[in-house]
PDB file of N, CA and C in Angstrom:
ATOM      1  N   MET A   1      25.843   5.028  -0.322  1.00  0.00           N
ATOM      2  CA  MET A   1      25.745   6.211   0.512  1.00  0.00           C
ATOM      3  C   MET A   1      24.372   6.608   1.097  1.00  0.00           C
ATOM      4  N   GLN A   2      23.362   6.095  -0.024  1.00  0.00           N
ATOM      5  CA  GLN A   2      22.174   6.660   0.417  1.00  0.00           C
ATOM      6  C   GLN A   2      21.591   5.698   1.817  1.00  0.00           C
ATOM      7  N   GLY A   3      22.322   4.511   1.844  1.00  0.00           N
ATOM      8  CA  GLY A   3      21.669   3.386   2.998  1.00  0.00           C
ATOM      9  C   GLY A   3      22.744   4.063   4.039  1.00  0.00           C
ATOM     10  N   ILE A   4      23.712   4.589   4.103  1.00  0.00           N
ATOM     11  CA  ILE A   4      24.354   4.935   5.237  1.00  0.00           C
ATOM     12  C   ILE A   4      23.785   6.235   5.826  1.00  0.00           C
ATOM     13  N   LEU A   5      23.362   7.216   4.805  1.00  0.00           N
ATOM     14  CA  LEU A   5      22.639   8.435   5.178  1.00  0.00           C
ATOM     15  C   LEU A   5      21.153   8.159   5.719  1.00  0.00           C
ATOM     16  N   LEU A   6      20.695   7.046   5.201  1.00  0.00           N
ATOM     17  CA  LEU A   6      19.131   6.749   5.796  1.00  0.00           C
ATOM     18  C   LEU A   6      19.367   6.002   7.267  1.00  0.00           C
ATOM     19  N   PHE A   7      20.510   5.571   7.496  1.00  0.00           N
ATOM     20  CA  PHE A   7      20.839   4.818   8.953  1.00  0.00           C
ATOM     21  C   PHE A   7      21.120   6.084   9.791  1.00  0.00           C
ATOM     22  N   PHE A   8      21.826   7.042   9.339  1.00  0.00           N
ATOM     23  CA  PHE A   8      22.129   8.423  10.120  1.00  0.00           C
ATOM     24  C   PHE A   8      20.953   9.109  10.429  1.00  0.00           C
ATOM     25  N   HIS A   9      20.014   9.127   9.621  1.00  0.00           N
ATOM     26  CA  HIS A   9      18.898  10.185   9.476  1.00  0.00           C
ATOM     27  C   HIS A   9      17.816   9.428  10.561  1.00  0.00           C
ATOM     28  N   ILE A  10      17.662   8.035  10.796  1.00  0.00           N
ATOM     29  CA  ILE A  10      16.827   7.248  11.661  1.00  0.00           C
ATOM     30  C   ILE A  10      17.502   7.588  13.029  1.00  0.00           C
ATOM     31  N   LEU A  11      18.974   7.229  13.214  1.00  0.00           N
ATOM     32  CA  LEU A  11      19.582   7.603  14.467  1.00  0.00           C
ATOM     33  C   LEU A  11      19.194   8.860  14.958  1.00  0.00           C
ATOM     34  N   VAL A  12      19.368   9.877  14.079  1.00  0.00           N
ATOM     35  CA  VAL A  12      19.051  11.387  14.451  1.00  0.00           C
ATOM     36  C   VAL A  12      17.551  11.634  15.005  1.00  0.00           C
ATOM     37  N   CYS A  13      16.584  10.897  14.310  1.00  0.00           N
ATOM     38  CA  CYS A  13      15.213  10.789  14.562  1.00  0.00           C
ATOM     39  C   CYS A  13      15.141  10.276  15.958  1.00  0.00           C
ATOM     40  N   PHE A  14      15.752   8.923  16.207  1.00  0.00           N
ATOM     41  CA  PHE A  14      15.500   8.546  17.365  1.00  0.00           C
ATOM     42  C   PHE A  14      16.051   9.353  18.704  1.00  0.00           C
ATOM     43  N   PHE A  15      17.329   9.870  18.749  1.00  0.00           N
ATOM     44  CA  PHE A  15      17.781  10.693  19.505  1.00  0.00           C
ATOM     45  C   PHE A  15      17.012  12.175  19.637  1.00  0.00           C
ATOM     46  N   LEU A  16      16.454  12.634  18.623  1.00  0.00           N
ATOM     47  CA  LEU A  16      15.463  13.896  18.587  1.00  0.00           C
ATOM     48  C   LEU A  16      14.212  13.562  19.602  1.00  0.00           C
ATOM     49  N   ILE A  17      13.650  12.431  19.154  1.00  0.00           N
ATOM     50  CA  ILE A  17      12.493  12.215  20.004  1.00  0.00           C
ATOM     51  C   ILE A  17      12.867  11.879  21.537  1.00  0.00           C
ATOM     52  N   ILE A  18      14.094  11.154  22.133  1.00  0.00           N
ATOM     53  CA  ILE A  18      14.422  10.892  23.426  1.00  0.00           C
ATOM     54  C   ILE A  18      14.904  12.311  24.109  1.00  0.00           C
ATOM     55  N   VAL A  19      15.578  13.113  23.378  1.00  0.00           N
ATOM     56  CA  VAL A  19      15.923  14.556  23.973  1.00  0.00           C
ATOM     57  C   VAL A  19      14.718  15.471  24.125  1.00  0.00           C
ATOM     58  N   VAL A  20      13.788  15.372  23.287  1.00  0.00           N
ATOM     59  CA  VAL A  20      12.578  16.273  23.427  1.00  0.00           C
ATOM     60  C   VAL A  20      11.630  15.830  24.647  1.00  0.00           C
ATOM     61  N   LEU A  21      11.786  14.259  24.851  1.00  0.00           N
ATOM     62  CA  LEU A  21      10.971  13.981  25.669  1.00  0.00           C
ATOM     63  C   LEU A  21      11.331  13.952  27.150  1.00  0.00           C
ATOM     64  N   LEU A  22      12.991  14.267  27.125  1.00  0.00           N
ATOM     65  CA  LEU A  22      13.597  14.229  28.479  1.00  0.00           C
ATOM     66  C   LEU A  22      13.387  15.723  28.873  1.00  0.00           C
ATOM     67  N   GLN A  23      13.116  16.709  28.212  1.00  0.00           N
ATOM     68  CA  GLN A  23      13.016  17.959  28.417  1.00  0.00           C
ATOM     69  C   GLN A  23      11.729  18.248  29.371  1.00  0.00           C
ATOM     70  N   SER A  24      11.842  19.213  30.115  1.00  0.00           N
ATOM     71  CA  SER A  24      10.438  19.585  31.030  1.00  0.00           C
ATOM     72  C   SER A  24      10.015  20.866  30.288  1.00  0.00           C
ATOM     73  N   GLY A  25       8.705  21.049  30.695  1.00  0.00           N
ATOM     74  CA  GLY A  25       8.223  22.366  30.258  1.00  0.00           C
ATOM     75  C   GLY A  25       8.762  23.657  30.429  1.00  0.00           C
ATOM     76  N   LYS A  26       8.060  24.690  30.006  1.00  0.00           N
ATOM     77  CA  LYS A  26       8.879  26.112  30.618  1.00  0.00           C
ATOM     78  C   LYS A  26       8.570  26.152  31.922  1.00  0.00           C
ATOM     79  N   SER A  27       7.335  26.023  32.185  1.00  0.00           N
ATOM     80  CA  SER A  27       6.791  26.150  33.768  1.00  0.00           C
ATOM     81  C   SER A  27       6.381  24.919  34.293  1.00  0.00           C
ATOM     82  N   ALA A  28       7.400  24.214  34.461  1.00  0.00           N
ATOM     83  CA  ALA A  28       7.130  22.948  35.088  1.00  0.00           C
ATOM     84  C   ALA A  28       7.345  22.886  36.628  1.00  0.00           C
ATOM     85  N   ASP A  29       7.402  23.918  37.238  1.00  0.00           N
ATOM     86  CA  ASP A  29       7.314  23.919  38.825  1.00  0.00           C
ATOM     87  C   ASP A  29       5.921  24.133  39.382  1.00  0.00           C
ATOM     88  N   LEU A  30       5.770  24.414  40.713  1.00  0.00           N
ATOM     89  CA  LEU A  30       4.284  24.745  41.224  1.00  0.00           C
ATOM     90  C   LEU A  30       3.828  26.115  40.938  1.00  0.00           C
ATOM     91  N   ALA A  31       4.678  27.152  40.565  1.00  0.00           N
ATOM     92  CA  ALA A  31       4.326  28.275  40.378  1.00  0.00           C
ATOM     93  C   ALA A  31       3.686  28.626  38.679  1.00  0.00           C
ATOM     94  N   GLY A  32       4.424  27.762  38.097  1.00  0.00           N
ATOM     95  CA  GLY A  32       3.826  27.241  36.407  1.00  0.00           C
ATOM     96  C   GLY A  32       2.458  27.034  36.510  1.00  0.00           C
ATOM     97  N   ALA A  33       1.973  26.283  37.347  1.00  0.00           N
ATOM     98  CA  ALA A  33       0.524  25.895  37.669  1.00  0.00           C
ATOM     99  C   ALA A  33      -0.419  27.029  37.578  1.00  0.00           C
ATOM    100  N   PHE A  34       0.002  28.008  38.478  1.00  0.00           N
ATOM    101  CA  PHE A  34      -0.758  29.291  38.627  1.00  0.00           C
ATOM    102  C   PHE A  34      -0.428  30.378  37.694  1.00  0.00           C
ATOM    103  N   GLY A  35       0.239  30.193  36.440  1.00  0.00           N
ATOM    104  CA  GLY A  35       0.718  31.213  35.708  1.00  0.00           C
ATOM    105  C   GLY A  35       1.736  32.251  36.033  1.00  0.00           C
ATOM    106  N   GLY A  36       2.629  31.763  37.044  1.00  0.00           N
ATOM    107  CA  GLY A  36       3.687  32.453  37.436  1.00  0.00           C
ATOM    108  C   GLY A  36       5.021  31.973  36.721  1.00  0.00           C
ATOM    109  N   TYR A  37       6.150  32.752  36.627  1.00  0.00           N
ATOM    110  CA  TYR A  37       7.327  32.272  36.193  1.00  0.00           C
ATOM    111  C   TYR A  37       8.186  31.388  37.098  1.00  0.00           C
ATOM    112  N   GLY A  38       7.943  31.465  38.207  1.00  0.00           N
ATOM    113  CA  GLY A  38       8.630  30.594  39.138  1.00  0.00           C
ATOM    114  C   GLY A  38      10.157  31.051  39.504  1.00  0.00           C
ATOM    115  N   SER A  39      10.941  30.086  39.836  1.00  0.00           N
ATOM    116  CA  SER A  39      12.182  30.358  40.499  1.00  0.00           C
ATOM    117  C   SER A  39      13.269  30.757  39.447  1.00  0.00           C
ATOM    118  N   GLN A  40      13.046  30.597  38.168  1.00  0.00           N
ATOM    119  CA  GLN A  40      13.965  31.173  37.169  1.00  0.00           C
ATOM    120  C   GLN A  40      13.610  32.247  36.356  1.00  0.00           C
ATOM    121  N   SER A  41      12.988  33.278  37.253  1.00  0.00           N
ATOM    122  CA  SER A  41      12.829  34.605  36.605  1.00  0.00           C
ATOM    123  C   SER A  41      13.638  35.517  36.291  1.00  0.00           C
ATOM    124  N   THR A  42      15.340  35.198  36.823  1.00  0.00           N
ATOM    125  CA  THR A  42      16.131  35.862  36.867  1.00  0.00           C
ATOM    126  C   THR A  42      16.773  36.084  35.193  1.00  0.00           C
ATOM    127  N   PHE A  43      16.390  35.097  34.514  1.00  0.00           N
ATOM    128  CA  PHE A  43      16.837  35.167  33.103  1.00  0.00           C
ATOM    129  C   PHE A  43      15.572  35.463  32.325  1.00  0.00           C
ATOM    130  N   GLY A  44      14.584  36.092  32.748  1.00  0.00           N
ATOM    131  CA  GLY A  44      13.415  36.378  31.924  1.00  0.00           C
ATOM    132  C   GLY A  44      12.586  35.272  31.720  1.00  0.00           C
ATOM    133  N   PRO A  45      11.182  35.231  31.264  1.00  0.00           N
ATOM    134  CA  PRO A  45      10.233  34.192  30.988  1.00  0.00           C
ATOM    135  C   PRO A  45      10.941  33.255  30.386  1.00  0.00           C
ATOM    136  N   ARG A  46      11.869  33.166  29.635  1.00  0.00           N
ATOM    137  CA  ARG A  46      12.228  32.137  28.667  1.00  0.00           C
ATOM    138  C   ARG A  46      13.291  31.424  29.546  1.00  0.00           C
ATOM    139  N   GLY A  47      14.316  31.863  29.985  1.00  0.00           N
ATOM    140  CA  GLY A  47      15.259  31.423  30.869  1.00  0.00           C
ATOM    141  C   GLY A  47      16.680  31.274  29.938  1.00  0.00           C
ATOM    142  N   ALA A  48      17.659  30.759  30.528  1.00  0.00           N
ATOM    143  CA  ALA A  48      18.792  30.447  29.802  1.00  0.00           C
ATOM    144  C   ALA A  48      18.740  29.250  29.099  1.00  0.00           C
ATOM    145  N   ALA A  49      19.391  28.969  27.976  1.00  0.00           N
ATOM    146  CA  ALA A  49      19.519  27.821  27.118  1.00  0.00           C
ATOM    147  C   ALA A  49      20.153  26.647  27.788  1.00  0.00           C
ATOM    148  N   SER A  50      19.506  25.603  28.030  1.00  0.00           N
ATOM    149  CA  SER A  50      20.221  24.590  28.814  1.00  0.00           C
ATOM    150  C   SER A  50      20.961  23.481  27.542  1.00  0.00           C
ATOM    151  N   LEU A  51      21.653  22.553  28.148  1.00  0.00           N
ATOM    152  CA  LEU A  51      22.348  21.698  27.484  1.00  0.00           C
ATOM    153  C   LEU A  51      21.348  20.879  26.569  1.00  0.00           C
ATOM    154  N   LEU A  52      20.338  20.451  27.210  1.00  0.00           N
ATOM    155  CA  LEU A  52      19.268  19.670  26.386  1.00  0.00           C
ATOM    156  C   LEU A  52      18.702  20.741  25.361  1.00  0.00           C
ATOM    157  N   SER A  53      18.493  21.795  25.519  1.00  0.00           N
ATOM    158  CA  SER A  53      17.697  22.589  24.379  1.00  0.00           C
ATOM    159  C   SER A  53      18.900  22.793  23.017  1.00  0.00           C
ATOM    160  N   LYS A  54      20.179  23.100  23.618  1.00  0.00           N
ATOM    161  CA  LYS A  54      21.214  22.999  22.540  1.00  0.00           C
ATOM    162  C   LYS A  54      21.327  21.855  21.518  1.00  0.00           C
ATOM    163  N   ILE A  55      21.138  20.518  22.506  1.00  0.00           N
ATOM    164  CA  ILE A  55      21.284  19.456  22.041  1.00  0.00           C
ATOM    165  C   ILE A  55      19.853  19.333  20.834  1.00  0.00           C
ATOM    166  N   THR A  56      18.841  19.687  21.406  1.00  0.00           N
ATOM    167  CA  THR A  56      17.536  19.586  20.435  1.00  0.00           C
ATOM    168  C   THR A  56      17.671  20.519  19.231  1.00  0.00           C
ATOM    169  N   THR A  57      18.438  21.644  19.326  1.00  0.00           N
ATOM    170  CA  THR A  57      18.509  22.613  18.136  1.00  0.00           C
ATOM    171  C   THR A  57      19.199  21.739  17.102  1.00  0.00           C
ATOM    172  N   THR A  58      20.526  21.048  17.801  1.00  0.00           N
ATOM    173  CA  THR A  58      21.494  20.593  16.561  1.00  0.00           C
ATOM    174  C   THR A  58      20.942  19.441  16.212  1.00  0.00           C
ATOM    175  N   LEU A  59      19.969  18.641  17.181  1.00  0.00           N
ATOM    176  CA  LEU A  59      19.478  17.462  16.029  1.00  0.00           C
ATOM    177  C   LEU A  59      18.299  17.772  15.113  1.00  0.00           C
ATOM    178  N   ALA A  60      17.769  18.939  15.331  1.00  0.00           N
ATOM    179  CA  ALA A  60      16.684  19.589  14.606  1.00  0.00           C
ATOM    180  C   ALA A  60      17.252  19.901  13.393  1.00  0.00           C
ATOM    181  N   VAL A  61      18.352  20.726  13.544  1.00  0.00           N
ATOM    182  CA  VAL A  61      19.139  21.078  12.158  1.00  0.00           C
ATOM    183  C   VAL A  61      19.791  19.895  11.442  1.00  0.00           C
ATOM    184  N   LEU A  62      20.293  18.803  12.046  1.00  0.00           N
ATOM    185  CA  LEU A  62      20.652  17.424  11.395  1.00  0.00           C
ATOM    186  C   LEU A  62      19.460  16.762  10.980  1.00  0.00           C
ATOM    187  N   PHE A  63      18.498  16.837  11.299  1.00  0.00           N
ATOM    188  CA  PHE A  63      17.313  16.199  10.870  1.00  0.00           C
ATOM    189  C   PHE A  63      16.657  16.923   9.416  1.00  0.00           C
ATOM    190  N   MET A  64      16.706  18.166   9.279  1.00  0.00           N
ATOM    191  CA  MET A  64      16.289  18.731   8.385  1.00  0.00           C
ATOM    192  C   MET A  64      17.437  18.770   7.245  1.00  0.00           C
ATOM    193  N   VAL A  65      18.877  18.699   7.633  1.00  0.00           N
ATOM    194  CA  VAL A  65      19.577  18.557   6.685  1.00  0.00           C
ATOM    195  C   VAL A  65      19.710  16.955   5.941  1.00  0.00           C
ATOM    196  N   THR A  66      19.641  16.178   6.677  1.00  0.00           N
ATOM    197  CA  THR A  66      19.774  14.481   6.184  1.00  0.00           C
ATOM    198  C   THR A  66      18.235  14.556   5.304  1.00  0.00           C
ATOM    199  N   SER A  67      17.127  14.875   5.942  1.00  0.00           N
ATOM    200  CA  SER A  67      15.937  15.022   5.045  1.00  0.00           C
ATOM    201  C   SER A  67      16.067  15.517   3.764  1.00  0.00           C
ATOM    202  N   LEU A  68      16.841  16.760   3.411  1.00  0.00           N
ATOM    203  CA  LEU A  68      16.788  17.297   2.272  1.00  0.00           C
ATOM    204  C   LEU A  68      17.959  16.435   1.468  1.00  0.00           C
ATOM    205  N   LEU A  69      19.078  16.169   2.044  1.00  0.00           N
ATOM    206  CA  LEU A  69      20.129  15.140   1.336  1.00  0.00           C
ATOM    207  C   LEU A  69      19.145  13.951   0.738  1.00  0.00           C
ATOM    208  N   LEU A  70      18.746  13.113   1.556  1.00  0.00           N
ATOM    209  CA  LEU A  70      17.883  12.004   1.236  1.00  0.00           C
ATOM    210  C   LEU A  70      17.025  12.517  -0.021  1.00  0.00           C
ATOM    211  N   GLN A  71      16.143  13.455  -0.038  1.00  0.00           N
ATOM    212  CA  GLN A  71      15.380  13.832  -1.039  1.00  0.00           C
ATOM    213  C   GLN A  71      16.155  14.205  -2.504  1.00  0.00           C
ATOM    214  N   VAL A  72      17.296  14.757  -2.270  1.00  0.00           N
ATOM    215  CA  VAL A  72      18.145  15.038  -3.125  1.00  0.00           C
ATOM    216  C   VAL A  72      18.716  13.738  -3.933  1.00  0.00           C
ATOM    217  N   LEU A  73      19.202  12.903  -3.200  1.00  0.00           N
ATOM    218  CA  LEU A  73      19.576  11.518  -3.792  1.00  0.00           C
ATOM    219  C   LEU A  73      18.441  10.730  -4.266  1.00  0.00           C
ATOM    220  N   ALA A  74      17.277  10.929  -3.771  1.00  0.00           N
ATOM    221  CA  ALA A  74      16.199  10.182  -4.493  1.00  0.00           C
ATOM    222  C   ALA A  74      15.882  10.866  -5.823  1.00  0.00           C
ATOM    223  N   ALA A  75      16.113  11.971  -5.865  1.00  0.00           N
ATOM    224  CA  ALA A  75      15.424  12.535  -7.161  1.00  0.00           C
ATOM    225  C   ALA A  75      16.593  12.331  -7.919  1.00  0.00           C
ATOM    226  N   HIS A  76      17.926  12.276  -7.737  1.00  0.00           N
ATOM    227  CA  HIS A  76      19.003  12.074  -8.676  1.00  0.00           C
ATOM    228  C   HIS A  76      18.945  10.814  -9.076  1.00  0.00           C
ATOM    229  N   LYS A  77      18.587   9.543  -8.073  1.00  0.00           N
ATOM    230  CA  LYS A  77      18.399   8.241  -8.674  1.00  0.00           C
ATOM    231  C   LYS A  77      17.317   8.291  -9.639  1.00  0.00           C
ATOM    232  N   ASN A  78      16.305   9.008  -9.316  1.00  0.00           N
ATOM    233  CA  ASN A  78      15.233   8.825 -10.252  1.00  0.00           C
ATOM    234  C   ASN A  78      15.463   9.728 -11.590  1.00  0.00           C
ATOM    235  N   ARG A  79      16.364  10.464 -11.690  1.00  0.00           N
ATOM    236  CA  ARG A  79      16.813  11.402 -12.573  1.00  0.00           C
ATOM    237  C   ARG A  79      15.726  12.333 -13.457  1.00  0.00           C
ATOM    238  N   SER A  80      14.559  12.263 -12.636  1.00  0.00           N
ATOM    239  CA  SER A  80      13.578  13.075 -13.414  1.00  0.00           C
ATOM    240  C   SER A  80      13.368  14.442 -12.561  1.00  0.00           C
ATOM    241  N   GLY A  81      13.840  14.365 -11.226  1.00  0.00           N
ATOM    242  CA  GLY A  81      13.777  15.697 -10.496  1.00  0.00           C
ATOM    243  C   GLY A  81      12.626  15.786  -9.331  1.00  0.00           C
ATOM    244  N   SER A  82      11.563  14.767  -9.862  1.00  0.00           N
ATOM    245  CA  SER A  82      10.622  15.089  -9.042  1.00  0.00           C
ATOM    246  C   SER A  82      10.026  13.704  -8.620  1.00  0.00           C
ATOM    247  N   VAL A  83       9.602  13.390  -7.489  1.00  0.00           N
ATOM    248  CA  VAL A  83       8.864  12.147  -6.762  1.00  0.00           C
ATOM    249  C   VAL A  83       7.726  11.824  -7.486  1.00  0.00           C
ATOM    250  N   LEU A  84       7.076  12.848  -8.135  1.00  0.00           N
ATOM    251  CA  LEU A  84       5.594  12.551  -8.583  1.00  0.00           C
ATOM    252  C   LEU A  84       5.735  12.262 -10.058  1.00  0.00           C
ATOM    253  N   ASP A  85       6.649  12.026 -10.690  1.00  0.00           N
ATOM    254  CA  ASP A  85       7.118  11.558 -12.196  1.00  0.00           C
ATOM    255  C   ASP A  85       7.466  10.063 -12.068  1.00  0.00           C
ATOM    256  N   GLN A  86       7.454   9.515 -10.835  1.00  0.00           N
ATOM    257  CA  GLN A  86       7.891   8.046 -10.901  1.00  0.00           C
ATOM    258  C   GLN A  86       7.098   7.094 -11.537  1.00  0.00           C
ATOM    259  N   GLU A  87       5.573   7.308 -11.704  1.00  0.00           N
ATOM    260  CA  GLU A  87       4.446   6.509 -12.161  1.00  0.00           C
ATOM    261  C   GLU A  87       4.640   6.735 -13.634  1.00  0.00           C
ATOM    262  N   LYS A  88       4.711   5.913 -14.474  1.00  0.00           N
ATOM    263  CA  LYS A  88       4.416   5.889 -15.954  1.00  0.00           C
ATOM    264  C   LYS A  88       3.051   5.729 -16.079  1.00  0.00           C
ATOM    265  N   PRO A  89       2.617   6.285 -17.225  1.00  0.00           N
ATOM    266  CA  PRO A  89       1.072   5.982 -17.660  1.00  0.00           C
ATOM    267  C   PRO A  89       1.224   4.557 -18.259  1.00  0.00           C
ATOM    268  N   VAL A  90       0.192   3.913 -18.116  1.00  0.00           N
ATOM    269  CA  VAL A  90      -0.230   2.440 -18.481  1.00  0.00           C
ATOM    270  C   VAL A  90      -0.625   2.663 -20.085  1.00  0.00           C
ATOM    271  N   ALA A  91       0.105   1.890 -20.783  1.00  0.00           N
ATOM    272  CA  ALA A  91      -0.297   1.883 -22.137  1.00  0.00           C
ATOM    273  C   ALA A  91      -1.532   0.807 -22.357  1.00  0.00           C
ATOM    274  N   LYS A  92      -2.250   1.399 -23.325  1.00  0.00           N
ATOM    275  CA  LYS A  92      -3.330   0.436 -23.447  1.00  0.00           C
ATOM    276  C   LYS A  92      -2.932  -0.739 -24.416  1.00  0.00           C
ATOM    277  N   THR A  93      -3.460  -1.798 -24.251  1.00  0.00           N
ATOM    278  CA  THR A  93      -2.992  -3.052 -24.930  1.00  0.00           C
ATOM    279  C   THR A  93      -4.170  -3.334 -25.896  1.00  0.00           C
ATOM    280  N   GLN A  94      -3.687  -4.214 -26.790  1.00  0.00           N
ATOM    281  CA  GLN A  94      -4.517  -4.709 -27.962  1.00  0.00           C
ATOM    282  C   GLN A  94      -5.398  -5.891 -27.371  1.00  0.00           C
ATOM    283  N   SER A  95      -6.486  -6.043 -27.686  1.00  0.00           N
ATOM    284  CA  SER A  95      -7.558  -7.303 -27.408  1.00  0.00           C
ATOM    285  C   SER A  95      -7.154  -8.331 -28.184  1.00  0.00           C
ATOM    286  N   SER A  96      -7.138  -9.606 -27.529  1.00  0.00           N
ATOM    287  CA  SER A  96      -6.821 -10.634 -28.250  1.00  0.00           C
ATOM    288  C   SER A  96      -7.950 -11.608 -28.899  1.00  0.00           C
ATOM    289  N   GLN A  97      -9.303 -10.895 -28.339  1.00  0.00           N
ATOM    290  CA  GLN A  97     -10.383 -11.450 -29.353  1.00  0.00           C
ATOM    291  C   GLN A  97     -10.420 -10.888 -30.818  1.00  0.00           C
ATOM    292  N   PRO A  98     -11.374 -11.947 -31.479  1.00  0.00           N
ATOM    293  CA  PRO A  98     -11.185 -11.231 -33.071  1.00  0.00           C
ATOM    294  C   PRO A  98     -12.281 -10.255 -33.059  1.00  0.00           C
ATOM    295  N   LEU A  99     -12.248  -9.418 -34.030  1.00  0.00           N
ATOM    296  CA  LEU A  99     -13.216  -8.387 -34.430  1.00  0.00           C
ATOM    297  C   LEU A  99     -14.203  -8.813 -35.446  1.00  0.00           C
ATOM    298  N   LYS A 100     -15.431  -8.075 -34.899  1.00  0.00           N
ATOM    299  CA  LYS A 100     -16.450  -8.508 -36.223  1.00  0.00           C
ATOM    300  C   LYS A 100     -16.298  -7.793 -37.627  1.00  0.00           C
ATOM    301  N   PRO A 101     -16.609  -8.266 -38.379  1.00  0.00           N
ATOM    302  CA  PRO A 101     -16.178  -7.729 -39.565  1.00  0.00           C
ATOM    303  C   PRO A 101     -16.985  -6.362 -39.760  1.00  0.00           C
ATOM    304  N   GLY A 102     -16.269  -5.379 -40.069  1.00  0.00           N
ATOM    305  CA  GLY A 102     -16.981  -3.981 -40.256  1.00  0.00           C
ATOM    306  C   GLY A 102     -17.042  -3.238 -38.913  1.00  0.00           C
ATOM    307  N   THR A 103     -16.567  -3.528 -37.760  1.00  0.00           N
ATOM    308  CA  THR A 103     -16.915  -3.040 -36.439  1.00  0.00           C
ATOM    309  C   THR A 103     -15.428  -2.810 -35.682  1.00  0.00           C
ATOM    310  N   ASP A 104     -15.224  -2.120 -34.604  1.00  0.00           N
ATOM    311  CA  ASP A 104     -14.047  -1.821 -33.859  1.00  0.00           C
ATOM    312  C   ASP A 104     -14.315  -2.665 -32.771  1.00  0.00           C
ATOM    313  N   THR A 105     -15.414  -3.334 -32.364  1.00  0.00           N
ATOM    314  CA  THR A 105     -15.643  -4.261 -31.291  1.00  0.00           C
ATOM    315  C   THR A 105     -15.245  -5.642 -31.348  1.00  0.00           C
ATOM    316  N   PRO A 106     -14.580  -6.248 -30.327  1.00  0.00           N
ATOM    317  CA  PRO A 106     -14.308  -7.617 -30.594  1.00  0.00           C
ATOM    318  C   PRO A 106     -15.447  -8.519 -30.300  1.00  0.00           C
ATOM    319  N   THR A 107     -15.782  -9.705 -30.485  1.00  0.00           N
ATOM    320  CA  THR A 107     -16.759 -10.372 -30.705  1.00  0.00           C
ATOM    321  C   THR A 107     -16.591 -11.053 -29.112  1.00  0.00           C
ATOM    322  N   VAL A 108     -17.760 -11.253 -28.494  1.00  0.00           N
ATOM    323  CA  VAL A 108     -17.876 -11.812 -27.216  1.00  0.00           C
ATOM    324  C   VAL A 108     -18.772 -13.001 -27.283  1.00  0.00           C
ATOM    325  N   PRO A 109     -18.193 -14.154 -26.911  1.00  0.00           N
ATOM    326  CA  PRO A 109     -18.996 -15.390 -27.341  1.00  0.00           C
ATOM    327  C   PRO A 109     -20.255 -15.268 -25.920  1.00  0.00           C
ATOM    328  N   VAL A 110     -21.374 -15.835 -26.477  1.00  0.00           N
ATOM    329  CA  VAL A 110     -22.681 -16.013 -25.742  1.00  0.00           C
ATOM    330  C   VAL A 110     -22.919 -17.228 -25.311  1.00  0.00           C
ATOM    331  N   PRO A 111     -23.087 -17.367 -23.907  1.00  0.00           N
ATOM    332  CA  PRO A 111     -23.347 -18.952 -23.545  1.00  0.00           C
ATOM    333  C   PRO A 111     -24.776 -19.387 -24.200  1.00  0.00           C
ATOM    334  N   GLU A 112     -25.016 -20.530 -24.411  1.00  0.00           N
ATOM    335  CA  GLU A 112     -26.233 -20.973 -25.119  1.00  0.00           C
ATOM    336  C   GLU A 112     -27.167 -21.318 -24.101  1.00  0.00           C
ATOM    337  N   ASN A 113     -27.185 -21.538 -22.766  1.00  0.00           N
ATOM    338  CA  ASN A 113     -27.981 -21.639 -22.033  1.00  0.00           C
ATOM    339  C   ASN A 113     -27.822 -20.651 -20.686  1.00  0.00           C
ATOM    340  N   PRO A 114     -28.173 -19.280 -20.813  1.00  0.00           N
ATOM    341  CA  PRO A 114     -27.715 -18.400 -19.699  1.00  0.00           C
ATOM    342  C   PRO A 114     -28.842 -18.752 -18.414  1.00  0.00           C
ATOM    343  N   GLY A 115     -28.287 -19.002 -17.137  1.00  0.00           N
ATOM    344  CA  GLY A 115     -29.024 -18.927 -16.092  1.00  0.00           C
ATOM    345  C   GLY A 115     -29.162 -20.299 -15.760  1.00  0.00           C
ATOM    346  N   LYS A 116     -28.937 -21.446 -16.469  1.00  0.00           N
ATOM    347  CA  LYS A 116     -29.185 -22.747 -16.299  1.00  0.00           C
ATOM    348  C   LYS A 116     -27.689 -23.635 -15.947  1.00  0.00           C
TER     349      LYS A 116
END
């Protein structure tokens, strides 16, 4: 289930990038370069919603929904409810070196001729 959802999420991301790059800016004509609204001033400064903007909105909603679903599935798989709780603290291990009598520190062998 999670693999199919991840594939669908990546597909939505890809199409969202393509659709956003295909759109032109609000004032892409020559009048927009000088601060005017250009030839589409009939519908106001924003204009009517085109097919590409409706597709963008739909893909953005799908992107958010699949992102949330992937997070819920990952938290359910983890069973803790948080991504931050995945790392467990490392337990301290006992040293394998023998201890000096009467101390808590292990004995460390010293080389006979250091530096030579």
